[in-house]
Amino acid sequence: MTMPVVKIAPNNPLFDLPVLVGIQRGTFKKVGLDVQLSGRYEDREATLRTREVLSRMKENMLDCGTADGYSVCEWATIDRIERGQNANVAALRACVAAQAILSFDDALQAPRDLKDVPVVVNEFTGSHYTTLSMLEGAIGRDHIVIEHIGAPWARWEALRDRTHRAVTLMEPFISLALREGAHIIAAEFYRGGDMISNNLTAEQRRSFLDAENAAVDLINNDFYKIAAPHIVSAARGAIKPHDLLRAFVRYKHVDFYDPAKFGQTYEWLKSWGMTEGKNPHDAFVALG
């Protein structure tokens, strides 16, 4: 019997890790799913320069039917569905990661030093939303300045080459930046969501999440052997698996996106004018 094929559009190996490990170690096949990546990471990075989010690779692939899902930050799950993506949030994803605002500039030591200072992000992704969250209490919303550059590697280059004073990054670039002498101004952990096409059945969604959880168990059993090589691949050889710090990323079983957490996030987006906030929880979240 032929297994149903589920194609996942690439985000970043840090966030896609349970999928990568599940494919490599066979956890998806054990639940009767043939899960494949629908594109290459290097092709994805080229599309992150655009500020039109639905033209970026993973969003475009879902719209075109060449992917059945992808991983994205919690705020962006809401944003993408409200922009018309034919998908639901299947679960809060397994990756719990930090975004950190990093700098080589001695004048920038604490969040309040970033008043009216541009911070480099990838707009409408985790680096953007966490930067707003990290800074609004320290300097006020009117003094937060965001500059879109795009992919993590491009942001790392902006930091490394000192063309920008403050840059928001996740792993493996936090470990890389710290090794090179940068310092952290602020950091925030956050969850994301597994976006799954409405074309998948409820049983297929549940099987997919079960297989992700099995992959998480493998990751946590031997992080540096199973996980770290995938994560550091985004840094193009600039950092080795054993140099990756454990402090800024962890993995756990996926969680149901409950109404209370959704409501808190939705109201925050509404307060920033990023949504009109008119849709109920069940318009976004796969309940079956």
Protein backbone atom coordinates (compact mmCIF):
# COMPACT_ATOMS: atom_id res chain seq x y z
CA MET A 1 0.00 0.00 0.00
CA THR A 2 1.33 3.42 -1.00
CA MET A 3 1.81 5.84 1.88
CA PRO A 4 0.25 9.31 1.66
CA VAL A 5 2.91 11.88 0.76
CA VAL A 6 3.13 14.95 3.00
CA LYS A 7 5.41 17.69 1.72
CA ILE A 8 6.84 20.25 4.16
CA ALA A 9 8.21 23.57 2.92
CA PRO A 10 11.53 24.41 4.56
CA ASN A 11 11.80 27.09 7.22
CA ASN A 12 15.13 26.85 9.06
CA PRO A 13 16.80 23.64 10.29
CA LEU A 14 16.46 24.88 13.89
CA PHE A 15 12.67 24.92 13.59
CA ASP A 16 12.36 22.02 11.15
CA LEU A 17 14.55 19.71 13.22
CA PRO A 18 11.81 17.24 14.30
CA VAL A 19 10.80 16.88 10.65
CA LEU A 20 14.40 16.39 9.51
CA VAL A 21 15.07 13.81 12.24
CA GLY A 22 11.71 12.13 11.65
CA ILE A 23 12.52 11.70 7.97
CA GLN A 24 16.06 10.53 8.70
CA ARG A 25 15.11 8.12 11.51
CA GLY A 26 11.85 6.82 10.04
CA THR A 27 9.34 8.05 12.63
CA PHE A 28 6.93 9.28 9.95
CA LYS A 29 7.01 6.03 8.03
CA LYS A 30 6.19 4.18 11.25
CA VAL A 31 2.85 6.03 11.34
CA GLY A 32 2.19 5.50 7.64
CA LEU A 33 3.28 8.86 6.21
CA ASP A 34 5.87 9.58 3.52
CA VAL A 35 7.07 13.02 4.64
CA GLN A 36 9.37 14.95 2.32
CA LEU A 37 10.84 18.44 2.15
CA SER A 38 9.42 20.31 -0.82
CA GLY A 39 12.42 22.57 -1.43
CA ARG A 40 16.00 23.42 -0.59
CA TYR A 41 17.06 25.66 2.30
CA GLU A 42 19.34 27.73 0.08
CA ASP A 43 16.44 28.49 -2.28
CA ARG A 44 14.28 29.54 0.66
CA GLU A 45 16.84 32.04 1.92
CA ALA A 46 16.83 33.93 -1.37
CA THR A 47 13.09 34.61 -1.04
CA LEU A 48 13.39 36.14 2.45
CA ARG A 49 14.60 39.45 1.03
CA THR A 50 11.05 40.29 -0.01
CA ARG A 51 8.74 42.08 2.42
CA GLU A 52 5.71 40.46 0.73
CA VAL A 53 5.39 37.44 2.98
CA LEU A 54 3.15 35.30 0.75
CA SER A 55 5.83 35.49 -1.95
CA ARG A 56 8.35 33.83 0.35
CA MET A 57 9.10 30.22 -0.46
CA LYS A 58 7.24 28.29 2.23
CA GLU A 59 4.10 30.44 2.06
CA ASN A 60 4.10 30.37 -1.74
CA MET A 61 4.51 26.60 -1.84
CA LEU A 62 1.49 26.11 0.41
CA ASP A 63 -0.59 28.45 -1.74
CA CYS A 64 0.49 26.65 -4.92
CA GLY A 65 -0.19 23.19 -3.50
CA THR A 66 3.44 22.03 -3.69
CA ALA A 67 3.62 21.86 0.12
CA ASP A 68 1.20 20.62 2.77
CA GLY A 69 2.66 22.54 5.68
CA TYR A 70 5.51 24.42 7.27
CA SER A 71 6.73 25.66 10.63
CA VAL A 72 6.51 29.35 11.54
CA CYS A 73 6.43 31.51 14.67
CA GLU A 74 3.20 31.75 16.67
CA TRP A 75 2.38 35.31 15.61
CA ALA A 76 2.99 34.48 11.95
CA THR A 77 0.57 31.53 12.03
CA ILE A 78 -2.19 34.04 12.69
CA ASP A 79 -0.82 36.51 10.16
CA ARG A 80 -0.54 33.95 7.34
CA ILE A 81 -4.03 32.52 7.85
CA GLU A 82 -5.51 36.02 7.89
CA ARG A 83 -3.66 36.73 4.64
CA GLY A 84 -5.63 33.84 3.11
CA GLN A 85 -3.48 30.72 3.55
CA ASN A 86 -5.55 27.52 3.25
CA ALA A 87 -4.22 26.02 6.47
CA ASN A 88 -4.72 25.65 10.20
CA VAL A 89 -2.39 25.58 13.18
CA ALA A 90 -2.07 21.88 13.96
CA ALA A 91 -0.11 22.49 17.18
CA LEU A 92 2.41 24.67 18.93
CA ARG A 93 5.65 23.37 17.48
CA ALA A 94 8.27 21.29 19.25
CA CYS A 95 11.06 23.85 19.00
CA VAL A 96 11.32 26.32 21.88
CA ALA A 97 13.94 28.82 20.77
CA ALA A 98 15.35 32.18 21.75
CA GLN A 99 15.77 35.20 19.55
CA ALA A 100 18.52 37.47 20.88
CA ILE A 101 19.40 41.07 20.06
CA LEU A 102 23.17 41.02 19.59
CA SER A 103 25.81 43.71 19.18
CA PHE A 104 29.54 44.36 19.08
CA ASP A 105 28.93 48.00 20.10
CA ASP A 106 29.98 48.79 23.68
CA ALA A 107 27.49 51.65 23.80
CA LEU A 108 24.62 49.17 23.47
CA GLN A 109 24.40 47.09 26.64
CA ALA A 110 20.76 47.03 27.78
CA PRO A 111 17.39 47.28 26.01
CA ARG A 112 16.99 50.97 26.91
CA ASP A 113 20.17 51.72 24.91
CA LEU A 114 18.24 50.77 21.76
CA LYS A 115 15.99 53.83 21.84
CA ASP A 116 15.71 55.01 18.20
CA VAL A 117 18.49 52.56 17.17
CA PRO A 118 17.62 50.37 14.15
CA VAL A 119 17.44 46.65 14.96
CA VAL A 120 17.82 44.28 12.02
CA VAL A 121 15.16 41.56 11.62
CA ASN A 122 13.31 39.45 9.09
CA GLU A 123 9.99 41.24 8.94
CA PHE A 124 6.83 39.36 10.01
CA THR A 125 8.77 36.43 11.46
CA GLY A 126 9.95 35.51 14.95
CA SER A 127 12.90 37.92 14.88
CA HIS A 128 10.51 40.80 14.19
CA TYR A 129 7.78 39.97 16.69
CA THR A 130 10.17 39.10 19.53
CA THR A 131 12.12 42.32 18.98
CA LEU A 132 8.93 44.32 19.42
CA SER A 133 8.10 42.31 22.52
CA MET A 134 11.58 42.66 24.04
CA LEU A 135 11.78 46.41 23.56
CA GLU A 136 8.28 47.82 24.07
CA GLY A 137 8.53 47.79 27.86
CA ALA A 138 12.02 49.30 27.92
CA ILE A 139 11.86 52.14 25.41
CA GLY A 140 8.20 52.42 24.39
CA ARG A 141 6.69 51.52 21.07
CA ASP A 142 7.32 54.91 19.47
CA HIS A 143 11.08 54.52 19.85
CA ILE A 144 11.44 51.00 18.39
CA VAL A 145 13.09 51.09 14.95
CA ILE A 146 12.95 47.93 12.83
CA GLU A 147 15.05 47.34 9.71
CA HIS A 148 14.23 44.41 7.43
CA ILE A 149 17.16 42.55 5.90
CA GLY A 150 15.81 39.01 5.68
CA ALA A 151 17.48 35.64 6.12
CA PRO A 152 19.48 34.76 9.25
CA TRP A 153 22.75 34.51 7.30
CA ALA A 154 22.26 38.01 5.88
CA ARG A 155 21.52 39.30 9.38
CA TRP A 156 24.64 37.58 10.72
CA GLU A 157 26.71 39.24 7.98
CA ALA A 158 25.27 42.63 8.97
CA LEU A 159 26.36 42.01 12.56
CA ARG A 160 29.73 40.42 11.72
CA ASP A 161 30.71 43.18 9.30
CA ARG A 162 29.56 45.92 11.71
CA THR A 163 27.31 47.50 9.06
CA HIS A 164 24.51 47.48 11.66
CA ARG A 165 24.81 48.04 15.40
CA ALA A 166 22.07 45.67 16.60
CA VAL A 167 20.74 42.48 15.00
CA THR A 168 18.21 39.90 16.16
CA LEU A 169 19.23 36.27 15.59
CA MET A 170 18.48 32.73 16.74
CA GLU A 171 20.70 29.65 16.86
CA PRO A 172 23.18 28.71 15.53
CA PHE A 173 23.97 32.39 15.05
CA ILE A 174 23.72 33.27 18.75
CA SER A 175 26.46 30.76 19.55
CA LEU A 176 28.51 31.96 16.57
CA ALA A 177 28.16 35.64 17.50
CA LEU A 178 29.08 35.03 21.14
CA ARG A 179 32.13 33.04 20.09
CA GLU A 180 33.21 35.97 17.90
CA GLY A 181 32.92 38.44 20.77
CA ALA A 182 29.41 39.87 20.43
CA HIS A 183 27.19 40.34 23.47
CA ILE A 184 23.48 39.86 24.10
CA ILE A 185 21.38 42.95 24.80
CA ALA A 186 18.11 41.07 25.26
CA ALA A 187 16.70 37.61 24.56
CA GLU A 188 13.25 36.04 24.44
CA PHE A 189 12.09 32.45 24.14
CA TYR A 190 8.99 31.72 22.08
CA ARG A 191 6.95 28.97 20.49
CA GLY A 192 5.86 28.57 16.93
CA GLY A 193 3.16 26.69 15.12
CA ASP A 194 2.98 23.76 12.73
CA MET A 195 0.90 25.03 9.83
CA ILE A 196 -0.85 22.14 8.09
CA SER A 197 -2.95 22.32 4.93
CA ASN A 198 -6.68 21.79 5.25
CA ASN A 199 -6.29 19.09 2.61
CA LEU A 200 -4.88 16.67 5.20
CA THR A 201 -7.34 14.56 7.16
CA ALA A 202 -7.61 14.79 10.94
CA GLU A 203 -6.05 11.33 11.22
CA GLN A 204 -3.10 12.36 9.05
CA ARG A 205 -2.55 15.48 11.16
CA ARG A 206 -2.56 13.44 14.37
CA SER A 207 -0.15 10.88 12.88
CA PHE A 208 2.18 13.65 11.73
CA LEU A 209 2.30 15.15 15.23
CA ASP A 210 2.82 11.73 16.85
CA ALA A 211 5.81 11.16 14.58
CA GLU A 212 7.20 14.60 15.43
CA ASN A 213 6.97 13.76 19.12
CA ALA A 214 8.85 10.52 18.53
CA ALA A 215 11.56 12.51 16.75
CA VAL A 216 11.75 14.90 19.72
CA ASP A 217 12.48 11.95 22.00
CA LEU A 218 15.36 10.95 19.73
CA ILE A 219 16.68 14.54 19.68
CA ASN A 220 16.65 14.83 23.44
CA ASN A 221 18.28 11.44 23.88
CA ASP A 222 21.44 12.50 21.97
CA PHE A 223 21.32 16.20 21.08
CA TYR A 224 24.86 16.69 19.83
CA LYS A 225 24.86 13.61 17.62
CA ILE A 226 21.33 13.83 16.20
CA ALA A 227 20.37 17.51 16.37
CA ALA A 228 23.40 19.78 16.38
CA PRO A 229 24.70 18.89 12.87
CA HIS A 230 21.37 19.88 11.33
CA ILE A 231 21.14 23.13 13.32
CA VAL A 232 24.67 24.37 12.55
CA SER A 233 24.25 23.66 8.83
CA ALA A 234 22.57 27.08 8.55
CA ALA A 235 25.90 28.73 9.44
CA ARG A 236 27.67 27.42 6.33
CA GLY A 237 30.59 25.84 8.16
CA ALA A 238 31.29 28.85 10.40
CA ILE A 239 30.53 26.86 13.56
CA LYS A 240 30.89 23.19 14.47
CA PRO A 241 28.22 21.05 16.18
CA HIS A 242 30.16 20.86 19.46
CA ASP A 243 30.31 24.70 19.60
CA LEU A 244 26.52 25.02 19.66
CA LEU A 245 25.28 26.18 23.06
CA ARG A 246 22.34 24.37 24.66
CA ALA A 247 21.05 27.46 26.49
CA PHE A 248 19.13 29.01 23.60
CA VAL A 249 17.10 26.13 22.16
CA ARG A 250 15.25 23.08 23.44
CA TYR A 251 12.68 20.63 22.11
CA LYS A 252 9.52 19.23 23.68
CA HIS A 253 6.41 17.42 22.52
CA VAL A 254 4.01 19.59 20.57
CA ASP A 255 1.09 21.20 22.41
CA PHE A 256 -2.47 22.04 21.50
CA TYR A 257 -2.84 25.76 20.80
CA ASP A 258 -5.39 26.51 23.49
CA PRO A 259 -7.83 29.46 23.37
CA ALA A 260 -6.19 31.35 26.25
CA LYS A 261 -2.74 31.44 24.64
CA PHE A 262 -4.27 32.25 21.27
CA GLY A 263 -6.31 35.09 22.74
CA GLN A 264 -3.29 36.64 24.41
CA THR A 265 -1.29 36.57 21.17
CA TYR A 266 -4.21 37.79 19.08
CA GLU A 267 -4.83 40.78 21.35
CA TRP A 268 -1.15 41.70 21.26
CA LEU A 269 -1.13 41.65 17.45
CA LYS A 270 -4.29 43.73 17.46
CA SER A 271 -2.68 46.28 19.78
CA TRP A 272 0.11 46.72 17.22
CA GLY A 273 -2.37 47.14 14.35
CA MET A 274 -1.27 43.87 12.74
CA THR A 275 -4.75 42.37 12.77
CA GLU A 276 -8.31 43.61 13.15
CA GLY A 277 -8.83 40.74 15.60
CA LYS A 278 -12.22 39.66 14.30
CA ASN A 279 -11.75 35.89 13.95
CA PRO A 280 -12.37 33.20 16.61
CA HIS A 281 -9.90 30.59 17.83
CA ASP A 282 -11.45 27.80 15.74
CA ALA A 283 -10.86 29.79 12.55
CA PHE A 284 -7.14 29.24 13.04
CA VAL A 285 -6.67 26.03 14.99
CA ALA A 286 -7.26 22.48 13.78
CA LEU A 287 -9.49 20.99 16.48
CA GLY A 288 -9.76 17.47 15.12
